[in-house]
């Protein structure tokens, strides 16, 4: 993937971590800028439009979950959270409010850059994984894969890039049961990872496309196997 000119915003209150990550991203061909607080993050977002944000949850002024939530009200920019190993609750909440992925501290630069590239591949229309038709249909759901738009019964539904990728993956083979691992590979491009990533994003997606997310009719759970997108 050509990452030239892709802009990444690195948000962390530790200047040593910021500087090291920015240096590594630039070494890999990205343009990288940094912010040390929530306030500085929002100031940057008023004038710059990053292709991806790396966001530490433990900021001193505004917590990362709140920042993620506020960004999601205005933008679908991909967000990778940085969390401590003991922050499982915050990590899940962060995913629930719209973060696309997370990396646990301490992390390797190789791992972080690999995650950045994987997330950007999912939102890059030239990533080379094209369905047979630019329009996918499953029941009353219509997915315009080129226009990156979803309508249900003619009404547009606003999805994050990861939610869109998840729905597209299910709709490319409606009726097929996808395991958590299959969806991790297909949507996140990970061979092995925390299956909570899939579960939380399925829950988020259901909240947007189901009449009653507690009793889903479109994306159903097949116990001990995975998920299926229904066509009727």
C-alpha atoms as a PDB file:
ATOM      1  CA  UNK A   1       0.000   0.000   0.000  1.00  0.00           C
ATOM      2  CA  UNK A   2       1.266   3.471  -0.859  1.00  0.00           C
ATOM      3  CA  UNK A   3       1.271   5.381   2.410  1.00  0.00           C
ATOM      4  CA  UNK A   4       2.869   8.549   0.999  1.00  0.00           C
ATOM      5  CA  UNK A   5       1.208  11.707   2.307  1.00  0.00           C
ATOM      6  CA  UNK A   6      -1.103   9.802   4.638  1.00  0.00           C
ATOM      7  CA  UNK A   7      -1.446  12.041   7.706  1.00  0.00           C
ATOM      8  CA  UNK A   8      -1.424  10.436  11.158  1.00  0.00           C
ATOM      9  CA  UNK A   9      -2.138  12.387  14.356  1.00  0.00           C
ATOM     10  CA  UNK A  10      -0.348  10.919  17.384  1.00  0.00           C
ATOM     11  CA  UNK A  11      -1.983  11.891  20.705  1.00  0.00           C
ATOM     12  CA  UNK A  12      -0.168  11.057  23.960  1.00  0.00           C
ATOM     13  CA  UNK A  13       0.851  13.090  27.004  1.00  0.00           C
ATOM     14  CA  UNK A  14       4.308  11.495  27.070  1.00  0.00           C
ATOM     15  CA  UNK A  15       6.581  13.543  24.755  1.00  0.00           C
ATOM     16  CA  UNK A  16       9.116  10.723  24.445  1.00  0.00           C
ATOM     17  CA  UNK A  17       6.445   8.304  23.184  1.00  0.00           C
ATOM     18  CA  UNK A  18       5.034  10.919  20.814  1.00  0.00           C
ATOM     19  CA  UNK A  19       8.401  11.795  19.348  1.00  0.00           C
ATOM     20  CA  UNK A  20       9.418   8.154  18.926  1.00  0.00           C
ATOM     21  CA  UNK A  21       6.131   7.173  17.239  1.00  0.00           C
ATOM     22  CA  UNK A  22       6.170  10.221  14.961  1.00  0.00           C
ATOM     23  CA  UNK A  23       9.763   9.467  13.945  1.00  0.00           C
ATOM     24  CA  UNK A  24       8.904   5.833  13.154  1.00  0.00           C
ATOM     25  CA  UNK A  25       5.780   6.771  11.184  1.00  0.00           C
ATOM     26  CA  UNK A  26       7.762   9.265   9.115  1.00  0.00           C
ATOM     27  CA  UNK A  27      10.400   6.599   8.511  1.00  0.00           C
ATOM     28  CA  UNK A  28       7.617   4.423   7.059  1.00  0.00           C
ATOM     29  CA  UNK A  29       6.501   7.168   4.685  1.00  0.00           C
ATOM     30  CA  UNK A  30       3.684   8.779   6.651  1.00  0.00           C
ATOM     31  CA  UNK A  31       3.249  12.429   7.464  1.00  0.00           C
ATOM     32  CA  UNK A  32       2.882  12.574  11.257  1.00  0.00           C
ATOM     33  CA  UNK A  33       1.881  15.326  13.669  1.00  0.00           C
ATOM     34  CA  UNK A  34       1.473  15.183  17.432  1.00  0.00           C
ATOM     35  CA  UNK A  35      -0.684  16.450  20.287  1.00  0.00           C
ATOM     36  CA  UNK A  36      -0.038  16.173  24.017  1.00  0.00           C
ATOM     37  CA  UNK A  37      -3.543  16.809  25.332  1.00  0.00           C
ATOM     38  CA  UNK A  38      -7.205  16.618  24.446  1.00  0.00           C
ATOM     39  CA  UNK A  39      -7.431  20.377  24.027  1.00  0.00           C
ATOM     40  CA  UNK A  40      -4.482  20.414  21.649  1.00  0.00           C
ATOM     41  CA  UNK A  41      -6.065  17.541  19.713  1.00  0.00           C
ATOM     42  CA  UNK A  42      -9.244  19.522  19.060  1.00  0.00           C
ATOM     43  CA  UNK A  43      -7.247  22.614  18.129  1.00  0.00           C
ATOM     44  CA  UNK A  44      -5.342  20.584  15.526  1.00  0.00           C
ATOM     45  CA  UNK A  45      -8.546  19.050  14.162  1.00  0.00           C
ATOM     46  CA  UNK A  46      -9.903  22.539  13.470  1.00  0.00           C
ATOM     47  CA  UNK A  47      -7.223  23.071  10.826  1.00  0.00           C
ATOM     48  CA  UNK A  48      -5.964  19.594   9.825  1.00  0.00           C
ATOM     49  CA  UNK A  49      -7.787  16.478   8.621  1.00  0.00           C
ATOM     50  CA  UNK A  50      -5.764  13.387   9.547  1.00  0.00           C
ATOM     51  CA  UNK A  51      -6.278  10.073   7.781  1.00  0.00           C
ATOM     52  CA  UNK A  52      -5.923   8.281  11.131  1.00  0.00           C
ATOM     53  CA  UNK A  53      -5.588   9.168  14.823  1.00  0.00           C
ATOM     54  CA  UNK A  54      -3.558   7.234  17.396  1.00  0.00           C
ATOM     55  CA  UNK A  55      -5.173   8.165  20.716  1.00  0.00           C
ATOM     56  CA  UNK A  56      -3.926   7.444  24.228  1.00  0.00           C
ATOM     57  CA  UNK A  57      -6.801   6.871  26.649  1.00  0.00           C
ATOM     58  CA  UNK A  58      -4.934   8.273  29.655  1.00  0.00           C
ATOM     59  CA  UNK A  59      -4.671  11.969  28.834  1.00  0.00           C
ATOM     60  CA  UNK A  60      -4.483  14.466  31.711  1.00  0.00           C
ATOM     61  CA  UNK A  61      -7.165  16.969  30.675  1.00  0.00           C
ATOM     62  CA  UNK A  62      -9.814  15.045  28.704  1.00  0.00           C
ATOM     63  CA  UNK A  63      -9.986  11.256  28.826  1.00  0.00           C
ATOM     64  CA  UNK A  64      -9.497   9.407  25.575  1.00  0.00           C
ATOM     65  CA  UNK A  65     -12.966   7.847  25.567  1.00  0.00           C
ATOM     66  CA  UNK A  66     -14.565  11.305  25.699  1.00  0.00           C
ATOM     67  CA  UNK A  67     -12.262  12.534  22.939  1.00  0.00           C
ATOM     68  CA  UNK A  68     -13.166   9.536  20.782  1.00  0.00           C
ATOM     69  CA  UNK A  69     -16.858  10.123  21.387  1.00  0.00           C
ATOM     70  CA  UNK A  70     -16.628  13.808  20.470  1.00  0.00           C
ATOM     71  CA  UNK A  71     -14.661  13.058  17.308  1.00  0.00           C
ATOM     72  CA  UNK A  72     -17.237  10.455  16.251  1.00  0.00           C
ATOM     73  CA  UNK A  73     -20.011  13.049  16.422  1.00  0.00           C
ATOM     74  CA  UNK A  74     -18.297  14.911  13.599  1.00  0.00           C
ATOM     75  CA  UNK A  75     -16.008  12.513  11.776  1.00  0.00           C
ATOM     76  CA  UNK A  76     -15.493   8.899  10.750  1.00  0.00           C
ATOM     77  CA  UNK A  77     -11.689   9.198  10.831  1.00  0.00           C
ATOM     78  CA  UNK A  78     -10.153   5.867  11.900  1.00  0.00           C
ATOM     79  CA  UNK A  79      -8.988   5.829  15.528  1.00  0.00           C
ATOM     80  CA  UNK A  80      -6.507   3.425  17.147  1.00  0.00           C
ATOM     81  CA  UNK A  81      -6.533   3.591  20.940  1.00  0.00           C
ATOM     82  CA  UNK A  82      -3.472   3.139  23.118  1.00  0.00           C
ATOM     83  CA  UNK A  83      -4.332   1.457  26.422  1.00  0.00           C
ATOM     84  CA  UNK A  84      -2.535   0.052  29.449  1.00  0.00           C
ATOM     85  CA  UNK A  85      -2.905  -3.669  30.069  1.00  0.00           C
ATOM     86  CA  UNK A  86      -5.151  -3.023  33.106  1.00  0.00           C
ATOM     87  CA  UNK A  87      -7.584  -0.813  31.156  1.00  0.00           C
ATOM     88  CA  UNK A  88      -9.847  -3.542  29.740  1.00  0.00           C
ATOM     89  CA  UNK A  89     -13.063  -1.744  30.735  1.00  0.00           C
ATOM     90  CA  UNK A  90     -11.939   1.534  29.153  1.00  0.00           C
ATOM     91  CA  UNK A  91     -10.770  -0.357  26.087  1.00  0.00           C
ATOM     92  CA  UNK A  92     -14.198  -1.913  25.544  1.00  0.00           C
ATOM     93  CA  UNK A  93     -15.923   1.416  26.188  1.00  0.00           C
ATOM     94  CA  UNK A  94     -13.599   3.056  23.680  1.00  0.00           C
ATOM     95  CA  UNK A  95     -14.549   0.505  21.046  1.00  0.00           C
ATOM     96  CA  UNK A  96     -18.206   1.003  21.890  1.00  0.00           C
ATOM     97  CA  UNK A  97     -18.014   4.742  21.231  1.00  0.00           C
ATOM     98  CA  UNK A  98     -16.362   4.277  17.865  1.00  0.00           C
ATOM     99  CA  UNK A  99     -12.642   3.472  18.075  1.00  0.00           C
ATOM    100  CA  UNK A 100     -11.599   1.119  15.283  1.00  0.00           C
ATOM    101  CA  UNK A 101      -8.814  -0.782  17.016  1.00  0.00           C
ATOM    102  CA  UNK A 102      -6.502  -0.708  20.009  1.00  0.00           C
ATOM    103  CA  UNK A 103      -2.879  -1.393  20.860  1.00  0.00           C
ATOM    104  CA  UNK A 104      -1.812  -2.248  24.403  1.00  0.00           C
ATOM    105  CA  UNK A 105       1.142  -0.536  26.088  1.00  0.00           C
ATOM    106  CA  UNK A 106       3.956  -1.337  26.082  1.00  0.00           C
ATOM    107  CA  UNK A 107       3.920  -1.902  22.328  1.00  0.00           C
ATOM    108  CA  UNK A 108       6.501  -2.423  19.624  1.00  0.00           C
ATOM    109  CA  UNK A 109       6.794   0.145  16.852  1.00  0.00           C
ATOM    110  CA  UNK A 110       6.484  -2.659  14.311  1.00  0.00           C
ATOM    111  CA  UNK A 111       3.143  -3.698  15.808  1.00  0.00           C
ATOM    112  CA  UNK A 112       1.786  -0.146  15.903  1.00  0.00           C
ATOM    113  CA  UNK A 113       2.787   0.651  12.326  1.00  0.00           C
ATOM    114  CA  UNK A 114       1.322  -2.675  11.161  1.00  0.00           C
ATOM    115  CA  UNK A 115      -1.991  -1.757  12.828  1.00  0.00           C
ATOM    116  CA  UNK A 116      -1.951   1.691  11.244  1.00  0.00           C
ATOM    117  CA  UNK A 117      -1.428   0.189   7.795  1.00  0.00           C
ATOM    118  CA  UNK A 118      -4.094  -2.480   8.370  1.00  0.00           C
ATOM    119  CA  UNK A 119      -6.700   0.091   9.439  1.00  0.00           C
ATOM    120  CA  UNK A 120      -5.887   2.344   6.483  1.00  0.00           C
ATOM    121  CA  UNK A 121      -6.187  -0.601   4.091  1.00  0.00           C
ATOM    122  CA  UNK A 122      -9.764  -1.066   5.294  1.00  0.00           C
ATOM    123  CA  UNK A 123     -10.724   2.497   4.447  1.00  0.00           C
ATOM    124  CA  UNK A 124      -8.658   2.758   1.250  1.00  0.00           C
ATOM    125  CA  UNK A 125     -10.913   2.281  -1.807  1.00  0.00           C
ATOM    126  CA  UNK A 126      -7.883   1.096  -3.804  1.00  0.00           C
ATOM    127  CA  UNK A 127      -7.036  -1.703  -1.358  1.00  0.00           C
ATOM    128  CA  UNK A 128      -7.712  -4.197  -4.144  1.00  0.00           C
ATOM    129  CA  UNK A 129     -10.474  -6.260  -2.563  1.00  0.00           C
ATOM    130  CA  UNK A 130     -13.366  -5.506  -4.850  1.00  0.00           C
ATOM    131  CA  UNK A 131     -16.719  -7.319  -4.727  1.00  0.00           C
ATOM    132  CA  UNK A 132     -18.254  -8.595  -7.971  1.00  0.00           C
ATOM    133  CA  UNK A 133     -20.682  -5.644  -8.003  1.00  0.00           C
ATOM    134  CA  UNK A 134     -20.344  -2.141  -6.568  1.00  0.00           C
ATOM    135  CA  UNK A 135     -23.823  -2.583  -5.060  1.00  0.00           C
ATOM    136  CA  UNK A 136     -24.460  -5.312  -2.490  1.00  0.00           C
ATOM    137  CA  UNK A 137     -27.965  -6.162  -1.306  1.00  0.00           C
ATOM    138  CA  UNK A 138     -29.246  -8.226   1.603  1.00  0.00           C
ATOM    139  CA  UNK A 139     -32.958  -7.897   2.257  1.00  0.00           C
ATOM    140  CA  UNK A 140     -33.714  -4.186   2.557  1.00  0.00           C
ATOM    141  CA  UNK A 141     -30.036  -3.337   3.085  1.00  0.00           C
ATOM    142  CA  UNK A 142     -28.206  -1.810   0.118  1.00  0.00           C
ATOM    143  CA  UNK A 143     -24.452  -1.179   0.230  1.00  0.00           C
ATOM    144  CA  UNK A 144     -22.770   1.067  -2.312  1.00  0.00           C
ATOM    145  CA  UNK A 145     -19.178  -0.152  -2.025  1.00  0.00           C
ATOM    146  CA  UNK A 146     -17.806   2.541  -4.329  1.00  0.00           C
ATOM    147  CA  UNK A 147     -19.712   5.415  -2.772  1.00  0.00           C
ATOM    148  CA  UNK A 148     -19.168   3.979   0.721  1.00  0.00           C
ATOM    149  CA  UNK A 149     -22.853   4.432   1.555  1.00  0.00           C
ATOM    150  CA  UNK A 150     -25.430   2.202   3.234  1.00  0.00           C
ATOM    151  CA  UNK A 151     -29.188   2.529   2.984  1.00  0.00           C
ATOM    152  CA  UNK A 152     -31.858   0.508   4.753  1.00  0.00           C
ATOM    153  CA  UNK A 153     -35.334   0.671   3.224  1.00  0.00           C
ATOM    154  CA  UNK A 154     -34.137   3.739   1.325  1.00  0.00           C
ATOM    155  CA  UNK A 155     -32.859   5.561   4.428  1.00  0.00           C
ATOM    156  CA  UNK A 156     -29.149   6.377   4.692  1.00  0.00           C
ATOM    157  CA  UNK A 157     -27.305   4.927   7.690  1.00  0.00           C
ATOM    158  CA  UNK A 158     -24.122   6.591   8.954  1.00  0.00           C
ATOM    159  CA  UNK A 159     -21.419   3.990   9.690  1.00  0.00           C
ATOM    160  CA  UNK A 160     -17.773   4.253  10.700  1.00  0.00           C
ATOM    161  CA  UNK A 161     -15.248   2.796   8.230  1.00  0.00           C
ATOM    162  CA  UNK A 162     -14.856  -0.332  10.363  1.00  0.00           C
ATOM    163  CA  UNK A 163     -18.620  -0.818  10.707  1.00  0.00           C
ATOM    164  CA  UNK A 164     -18.951  -0.398   6.945  1.00  0.00           C
ATOM    165  CA  UNK A 165     -16.218  -2.959   6.329  1.00  0.00           C
ATOM    166  CA  UNK A 166     -17.859  -5.407   8.717  1.00  0.00           C
ATOM    167  CA  UNK A 167     -21.272  -5.067   7.072  1.00  0.00           C
ATOM    168  CA  UNK A 168     -19.720  -5.351   3.610  1.00  0.00           C
ATOM    169  CA  UNK A 169     -17.882  -8.532   4.603  1.00  0.00           C
ATOM    170  CA  UNK A 170     -21.118 -10.120   5.825  1.00  0.00           C
ATOM    171  CA  UNK A 171     -23.088  -8.901   2.789  1.00  0.00           C
ATOM    172  CA  UNK A 172     -20.632 -10.284   0.273  1.00  0.00           C
ATOM    173  CA  UNK A 173     -21.803 -13.747   1.356  1.00  0.00           C
ATOM    174  CA  UNK A 174     -25.258 -13.267   2.904  1.00  0.00           C
ATOM    175  CA  UNK A 175     -26.472 -16.276   4.832  1.00  0.00           C
ATOM    176  CA  UNK A 176     -22.932 -17.544   5.457  1.00  0.00           C
ATOM    177  CA  UNK A 177     -21.902 -17.935   9.082  1.00  0.00           C
ATOM    178  CA  UNK A 178     -18.637 -16.101   9.748  1.00  0.00           C
ATOM    179  CA  UNK A 179     -16.551 -17.046  12.759  1.00  0.00           C
ATOM    180  CA  UNK A 180     -14.835 -14.399  14.849  1.00  0.00           C
ATOM    181  CA  UNK A 181     -11.485 -15.410  13.376  1.00  0.00           C
ATOM    182  CA  UNK A 182     -12.795 -15.188   9.797  1.00  0.00           C
ATOM    183  CA  UNK A 183     -14.061 -11.666  10.442  1.00  0.00           C
ATOM    184  CA  UNK A 184     -10.783 -10.671  12.091  1.00  0.00           C
ATOM    185  CA  UNK A 185      -8.955 -11.767   8.944  1.00  0.00           C
ATOM    186  CA  UNK A 186     -11.454 -10.333   6.473  1.00  0.00           C
ATOM    187  CA  UNK A 187     -12.186  -6.994   8.125  1.00  0.00           C
ATOM    188  CA  UNK A 188      -9.152  -6.259  10.304  1.00  0.00           C
ATOM    189  CA  UNK A 189      -6.544  -8.254   8.367  1.00  0.00           C
ATOM    190  CA  UNK A 190      -5.407  -9.966  11.595  1.00  0.00           C
ATOM    191  CA  UNK A 191      -4.683 -13.676  11.839  1.00  0.00           C
ATOM    192  CA  UNK A 192      -5.055 -13.743  15.615  1.00  0.00           C
ATOM    193  CA  UNK A 193      -6.387 -11.073  17.976  1.00  0.00           C
ATOM    194  CA  UNK A 194      -8.851 -10.309  20.754  1.00  0.00           C
ATOM    195  CA  UNK A 195     -12.321 -11.440  19.606  1.00  0.00           C
ATOM    196  CA  UNK A 196     -13.841  -8.630  21.699  1.00  0.00           C
ATOM    197  CA  UNK A 197     -12.873  -6.419  18.768  1.00  0.00           C
ATOM    198  CA  UNK A 198     -15.419  -8.262  16.614  1.00  0.00           C
ATOM    199  CA  UNK A 199     -18.081  -8.533  19.309  1.00  0.00           C
ATOM    200  CA  UNK A 200     -18.090  -4.836  20.171  1.00  0.00           C
ATOM    201  CA  UNK A 201     -18.211  -3.715  16.542  1.00  0.00           C
ATOM    202  CA  UNK A 202     -21.029  -6.160  15.771  1.00  0.00           C
ATOM    203  CA  UNK A 203     -22.927  -4.681  18.732  1.00  0.00           C
ATOM    204  CA  UNK A 204     -22.269  -1.144  17.452  1.00  0.00           C
ATOM    205  CA  UNK A 205     -23.402  -2.120  13.956  1.00  0.00           C
ATOM    206  CA  UNK A 206     -26.559  -3.721  15.270  1.00  0.00           C
ATOM    207  CA  UNK A 207     -27.335  -0.525  17.142  1.00  0.00           C
ATOM    208  CA  UNK A 208     -27.448   1.299  13.814  1.00  0.00           C
ATOM    209  CA  UNK A 209     -29.152  -1.200  11.499  1.00  0.00           C
ATOM    210  CA  UNK A 210     -31.507  -3.183  13.735  1.00  0.00           C
ATOM    211  CA  UNK A 211     -34.972  -2.065  14.829  1.00  0.00           C
ATOM    212  CA  UNK A 212     -34.219  -3.613  18.221  1.00  0.00           C
ATOM    213  CA  UNK A 213     -30.534  -4.334  18.809  1.00  0.00           C
ATOM    214  CA  UNK A 214     -31.455  -6.571  21.759  1.00  0.00           C
ATOM    215  CA  UNK A 215     -33.416  -8.820  19.379  1.00  0.00           C
ATOM    216  CA  UNK A 216     -31.428  -8.641  16.140  1.00  0.00           C
ATOM    217  CA  UNK A 217     -33.092  -9.809  12.954  1.00  0.00           C
ATOM    218  CA  UNK A 218     -30.504  -8.754  10.397  1.00  0.00           C
ATOM    219  CA  UNK A 219     -27.198  -9.828  11.967  1.00  0.00           C
ATOM    220  CA  UNK A 220     -27.936 -12.945  13.967  1.00  0.00           C
ATOM    221  CA  UNK A 221     -25.642 -14.866  16.294  1.00  0.00           C
ATOM    222  CA  UNK A 222     -25.073 -18.541  15.614  1.00  0.00           C
ATOM    223  CA  UNK A 223     -24.163 -19.857  19.041  1.00  0.00           C
ATOM    224  CA  UNK A 224     -20.577 -21.073  19.417  1.00  0.00           C
ATOM    225  CA  UNK A 225     -19.905 -20.329  15.733  1.00  0.00           C
ATOM    226  CA  UNK A 226     -20.230 -16.666  14.769  1.00  0.00           C
ATOM    227  CA  UNK A 227     -22.496 -14.269  12.872  1.00  0.00           C
ATOM    228  CA  UNK A 228     -24.740 -14.394   9.814  1.00  0.00           C
ATOM    229  CA  UNK A 229     -26.371 -11.607   7.785  1.00  0.00           C
ATOM    230  CA  UNK A 230     -29.952 -12.549   7.018  1.00  0.00           C
ATOM    231  CA  UNK A 231     -31.504 -11.830   3.638  1.00  0.00           C
ATOM    232  CA  UNK A 232     -35.187 -11.785   4.585  1.00  0.00           C
END
